[in-house]
């Protein structure tokens, strides 16, 4: 997104802070939604139960205490 913003600024010479902030916030909410759906699916499928606490990694649900 930052590269696209720089490219658009280079082409037009204009920068609209409002739209930049809207896009940053939008991407943030997309990430929150993606992570929430992933956690929900992991919970419903029970996939995290098969990982013992000593074998947990950030990629196996190990980021939870």
Protein backbone atom coordinates (compact mmCIF):
# COMPACT_ATOMS: atom_id res chain seq x y z
CA UNK A 1 0.00 0.00 0.00
CA UNK A 2 2.82 2.39 0.78
CA UNK A 3 4.40 1.68 -2.58
CA UNK A 4 1.10 2.32 -4.33
CA UNK A 5 0.71 5.58 -2.41
CA UNK A 6 4.21 6.69 -3.39
CA UNK A 7 3.53 5.72 -7.00
CA UNK A 8 0.25 7.66 -7.09
CA UNK A 9 1.92 10.68 -5.51
CA UNK A 10 4.69 10.50 -8.10
CA UNK A 11 2.16 10.36 -10.94
CA UNK A 12 -0.25 13.05 -9.71
CA UNK A 13 1.81 15.14 -7.30
CA UNK A 14 -1.10 15.01 -4.84
CA UNK A 15 -1.50 13.24 -1.51
CA UNK A 16 -4.85 12.98 0.25
CA UNK A 17 -4.28 12.16 3.92
CA UNK A 18 -7.96 11.31 4.47
CA UNK A 19 -8.00 8.48 1.91
CA UNK A 20 -4.62 7.23 3.05
CA UNK A 21 -5.91 6.93 6.64
CA UNK A 22 -9.12 5.27 5.42
CA UNK A 23 -7.10 2.63 3.58
CA UNK A 24 -4.73 2.04 6.52
CA UNK A 25 -7.67 1.58 8.90
CA UNK A 26 -9.42 -0.66 6.38
CA UNK A 27 -6.42 -2.92 6.05
CA UNK A 28 -6.13 -3.04 9.84
CA UNK A 29 -9.75 -4.18 10.14
CA UNK A 30 -9.24 -6.78 7.41
CA UNK A 31 -6.32 -8.21 9.39
CA UNK A 32 -8.38 -8.27 12.60
CA UNK A 33 -11.20 -10.08 10.80
CA UNK A 34 -8.84 -12.57 9.19
CA UNK A 35 -7.24 -13.42 12.52
CA UNK A 36 -10.62 -13.69 14.28
CA UNK A 37 -11.96 -16.07 11.62
CA UNK A 38 -8.79 -18.15 11.85
CA UNK A 39 -9.07 -18.42 15.64
CA UNK A 40 -12.76 -19.35 15.38
CA UNK A 41 -12.11 -22.07 12.80
CA UNK A 42 -9.23 -23.45 14.88
CA UNK A 43 -11.48 -23.50 17.94
CA UNK A 44 -14.42 -25.15 16.16
CA UNK A 45 -12.24 -27.77 14.46
CA UNK A 46 -10.27 -28.49 17.64
CA UNK A 47 -6.97 -28.29 15.80
CA UNK A 48 -5.21 -26.50 18.67
CA UNK A 49 -6.00 -29.29 21.16
CA UNK A 50 -3.52 -31.61 19.48
CA UNK A 51 -0.56 -29.32 20.21
CA UNK A 52 0.90 -29.88 23.68
CA UNK A 53 1.98 -26.69 25.52
CA UNK A 54 5.68 -27.60 25.32
CA UNK A 55 5.47 -28.08 21.53
CA UNK A 56 3.59 -24.86 20.80
CA UNK A 57 4.95 -22.34 18.32
CA UNK A 58 3.46 -19.09 17.00
CA UNK A 59 2.34 -21.14 13.96
CA UNK A 60 0.57 -23.87 15.95
CA UNK A 61 -1.55 -21.81 18.32
CA UNK A 62 1.35 -21.48 20.73
CA UNK A 63 1.03 -17.74 21.14
CA UNK A 64 -1.66 -18.28 23.76
CA UNK A 65 -0.50 -18.62 27.39
